């Protein structure tokens, strides 16, 4: 990544599906915080997406710090 940025995309491995024909929908809009300055590599971008019952379905992160889980 440019400017030594760190990128993560973590998605659930257990989607909520009643059956094979059921398509999951988002319970609410994505929650996004973006103060990343690409030219300097400072700041963060993080996005949480939610599943049909409002639980976090995926997390996307880009920034100059590693995230410790």
N, C-alpha and C. Protein backbone atom coordinates (compact mmCIF):
# COMPACT_ATOMS: atom_id res chain seq x y z
N UNK A 1 0.84 -1.17 0.00
CA UNK A 1 0.00 0.00 0.00
C UNK A 1 0.89 1.25 0.00
N UNK A 2 0.46 2.31 -0.65
CA UNK A 2 1.25 3.54 -0.63
C UNK A 2 1.34 4.13 0.78
N UNK A 3 2.42 4.84 1.05
CA UNK A 3 2.64 5.51 2.34
C UNK A 3 2.54 4.55 3.53
N UNK A 4 2.88 3.28 3.30
CA UNK A 4 2.85 2.26 4.36
C UNK A 4 1.48 2.14 5.02
N UNK A 5 0.42 2.33 4.26
CA UNK A 5 -0.93 2.17 4.81
C UNK A 5 -1.22 0.70 5.09
N UNK A 6 -2.04 0.46 6.08
CA UNK A 6 -2.48 -0.88 6.45
C UNK A 6 -3.92 -1.03 6.00
N UNK A 7 -4.28 -2.17 5.39
CA UNK A 7 -5.64 -2.40 4.90
C UNK A 7 -6.16 -3.72 5.46
N UNK A 8 -7.38 -3.69 6.00
CA UNK A 8 -8.06 -4.89 6.47
C UNK A 8 -9.48 -4.90 5.91
N UNK A 9 -9.95 -6.06 5.54
CA UNK A 9 -11.38 -6.25 5.24
C UNK A 9 -11.76 -7.58 5.88
N UNK A 10 -12.61 -7.52 6.89
CA UNK A 10 -13.01 -8.70 7.63
C UNK A 10 -14.52 -8.87 7.44
N UNK A 11 -14.92 -10.05 6.99
CA UNK A 11 -16.34 -10.33 6.75
C UNK A 11 -16.72 -11.59 7.51
N UNK A 12 -17.97 -11.62 7.98
CA UNK A 12 -18.43 -12.78 8.71
C UNK A 12 -18.35 -14.03 7.83
N UNK A 13 -18.07 -15.15 8.46
CA UNK A 13 -18.04 -16.42 7.73
C UNK A 13 -19.35 -17.18 7.91
N UNK A 14 -20.28 -16.58 8.65
CA UNK A 14 -21.54 -17.24 8.93
C UNK A 14 -22.71 -16.31 8.60
N UNK A 15 -23.00 -16.10 7.32
CA UNK A 15 -24.10 -15.20 6.97
C UNK A 15 -25.43 -15.77 7.45
N UNK A 16 -26.37 -14.87 7.74
CA UNK A 16 -27.70 -15.28 8.21
C UNK A 16 -28.59 -15.55 7.00
N UNK A 17 -28.76 -16.81 6.68
CA UNK A 17 -29.63 -17.19 5.57
C UNK A 17 -30.58 -18.27 6.05
N UNK A 18 -31.86 -18.04 5.81
CA UNK A 18 -32.86 -19.04 6.19
C UNK A 18 -32.78 -20.26 5.27
N UNK A 19 -32.57 -20.00 3.99
CA UNK A 19 -32.43 -21.08 3.01
C UNK A 19 -31.65 -20.55 1.82
N UNK A 20 -31.43 -21.38 0.85
CA UNK A 20 -30.58 -21.01 -0.30
C UNK A 20 -31.18 -19.89 -1.15
N UNK A 21 -32.50 -19.74 -1.13
CA UNK A 21 -33.13 -18.72 -1.97
C UNK A 21 -33.30 -17.39 -1.24
N UNK A 22 -33.07 -17.37 0.06
CA UNK A 22 -33.22 -16.16 0.87
C UNK A 22 -32.02 -15.25 0.64
N UNK A 23 -32.25 -14.02 0.26
CA UNK A 23 -31.14 -13.08 0.10
C UNK A 23 -31.10 -12.15 1.31
N UNK A 24 -29.93 -12.02 1.88
CA UNK A 24 -29.76 -11.18 3.06
C UNK A 24 -29.85 -9.70 2.67
N UNK A 25 -30.38 -8.88 3.55
CA UNK A 25 -30.47 -7.45 3.29
C UNK A 25 -29.83 -6.70 4.44
N UNK A 26 -29.47 -5.45 4.20
CA UNK A 26 -28.86 -4.63 5.24
C UNK A 26 -29.94 -4.07 6.15
N UNK A 27 -29.71 -4.15 7.44
CA UNK A 27 -30.64 -3.65 8.44
C UNK A 27 -30.61 -2.13 8.53
N UNK A 28 -29.47 -1.54 8.22
CA UNK A 28 -29.26 -0.09 8.30
C UNK A 28 -28.13 0.30 7.37
N UNK A 29 -27.96 1.60 7.10
CA UNK A 29 -26.84 2.02 6.24
C UNK A 29 -25.49 1.75 6.91
N UNK A 30 -24.46 1.67 6.09
CA UNK A 30 -23.10 1.50 6.62
C UNK A 30 -22.72 2.67 7.51
N UNK A 31 -21.92 2.38 8.51
CA UNK A 31 -21.37 3.41 9.39
C UNK A 31 -19.93 3.65 8.94
N UNK A 32 -19.62 4.88 8.51
CA UNK A 32 -18.32 5.20 7.92
C UNK A 32 -17.70 6.40 8.62
N UNK A 33 -16.41 6.29 8.89
CA UNK A 33 -15.62 7.41 9.39
C UNK A 33 -14.40 7.52 8.48
N UNK A 34 -14.21 8.66 7.87
CA UNK A 34 -13.12 8.82 6.90
C UNK A 34 -12.41 10.15 7.14
N UNK A 35 -11.22 10.08 7.72
CA UNK A 35 -10.36 11.26 7.82
C UNK A 35 -8.97 10.94 7.28
N UNK A 36 -8.93 9.98 6.34
CA UNK A 36 -7.67 9.53 5.75
C UNK A 36 -7.20 10.50 4.68
N UNK A 37 -5.95 10.95 4.81
CA UNK A 37 -5.31 11.79 3.80
C UNK A 37 -4.34 10.89 3.02
N UNK A 38 -4.74 10.48 1.84
CA UNK A 38 -3.95 9.55 1.03
C UNK A 38 -2.56 10.11 0.71
N UNK A 39 -2.47 11.41 0.50
CA UNK A 39 -1.18 11.99 0.10
C UNK A 39 -0.13 11.89 1.21
N UNK A 40 -0.55 11.97 2.48
CA UNK A 40 0.40 11.87 3.59
C UNK A 40 0.36 10.51 4.28
N UNK A 41 -0.72 9.77 4.07
CA UNK A 41 -0.85 8.47 4.73
C UNK A 41 -1.29 8.59 6.17
N UNK A 42 -1.76 9.72 6.59
CA UNK A 42 -2.19 9.92 7.97
C UNK A 42 -3.71 9.86 8.05
N UNK A 43 -4.20 9.40 9.18
CA UNK A 43 -5.63 9.32 9.40
C UNK A 43 -6.12 7.90 9.21
N UNK A 44 -7.45 7.73 9.19
CA UNK A 44 -8.06 6.42 9.12
C UNK A 44 -9.31 6.46 8.26
N UNK A 45 -9.62 5.31 7.68
CA UNK A 45 -10.91 5.08 7.03
C UNK A 45 -11.44 3.79 7.62
N UNK A 46 -12.65 3.80 8.16
CA UNK A 46 -13.24 2.58 8.69
C UNK A 46 -14.71 2.55 8.32
N UNK A 47 -15.18 1.35 7.91
CA UNK A 47 -16.58 1.18 7.54
C UNK A 47 -17.10 -0.11 8.18
N UNK A 48 -18.23 0.00 8.85
CA UNK A 48 -18.93 -1.15 9.40
C UNK A 48 -20.19 -1.36 8.56
N UNK A 49 -20.41 -2.58 8.11
CA UNK A 49 -21.68 -2.90 7.45
C UNK A 49 -22.43 -3.89 8.33
N UNK A 50 -23.76 -3.88 8.22
CA UNK A 50 -24.61 -4.63 9.13
C UNK A 50 -25.46 -5.64 8.38
N UNK A 51 -25.81 -6.73 9.06
CA UNK A 51 -26.64 -7.75 8.44
C UNK A 51 -28.12 -7.46 8.68
N UNK A 52 -28.96 -8.42 8.36
CA UNK A 52 -30.41 -8.19 8.42
C UNK A 52 -30.96 -8.04 9.84
N UNK A 53 -30.21 -8.46 10.87
CA UNK A 53 -30.69 -8.27 12.23
C UNK A 53 -29.88 -7.21 12.99
N UNK A 54 -29.07 -6.46 12.26
CA UNK A 54 -28.37 -5.33 12.85
C UNK A 54 -27.01 -5.63 13.45
N UNK A 55 -26.51 -6.86 13.30
CA UNK A 55 -25.17 -7.18 13.78
C UNK A 55 -24.13 -6.80 12.73
N UNK A 56 -22.91 -6.52 13.16
CA UNK A 56 -21.84 -6.16 12.22
C UNK A 56 -21.56 -7.35 11.31
N UNK A 57 -21.62 -7.11 10.01
CA UNK A 57 -21.38 -8.15 9.01
C UNK A 57 -19.96 -8.07 8.47
N UNK A 58 -19.44 -6.84 8.33
CA UNK A 58 -18.07 -6.69 7.85
C UNK A 58 -17.47 -5.38 8.36
N UNK A 59 -16.15 -5.38 8.40
CA UNK A 59 -15.38 -4.20 8.80
C UNK A 59 -14.30 -3.99 7.75
N UNK A 60 -14.20 -2.77 7.25
CA UNK A 60 -13.12 -2.40 6.32
C UNK A 60 -12.34 -1.27 6.96
N UNK A 61 -11.01 -1.40 6.98
CA UNK A 61 -10.15 -0.40 7.62
C UNK A 61 -8.96 -0.11 6.73
N UNK A 62 -8.60 1.16 6.64
CA UNK A 62 -7.35 1.56 6.01
C UNK A 62 -6.80 2.72 6.83
N UNK A 63 -5.54 2.64 7.19
CA UNK A 63 -4.94 3.69 7.98
C UNK A 63 -3.46 3.45 8.20
N UNK A 64 -2.86 4.30 9.01
CA UNK A 64 -1.41 4.22 9.22
C UNK A 64 -1.04 3.39 10.44
N UNK A 65 -2.02 2.88 11.19
CA UNK A 65 -1.75 2.07 12.37
C UNK A 65 -2.32 0.67 12.19
N UNK A 66 -1.59 -0.32 12.70
CA UNK A 66 -2.12 -1.68 12.71
C UNK A 66 -3.20 -1.77 13.78
N UNK A 67 -4.18 -2.60 13.52
CA UNK A 67 -5.26 -2.82 14.48
C UNK A 67 -4.97 -4.11 15.22
N UNK A 68 -4.96 -4.05 16.54
CA UNK A 68 -4.73 -5.24 17.35
C UNK A 68 -6.09 -5.80 17.77
N UNK A 69 -6.36 -7.04 17.40
CA UNK A 69 -7.62 -7.68 17.76
C UNK A 69 -7.42 -8.63 18.91
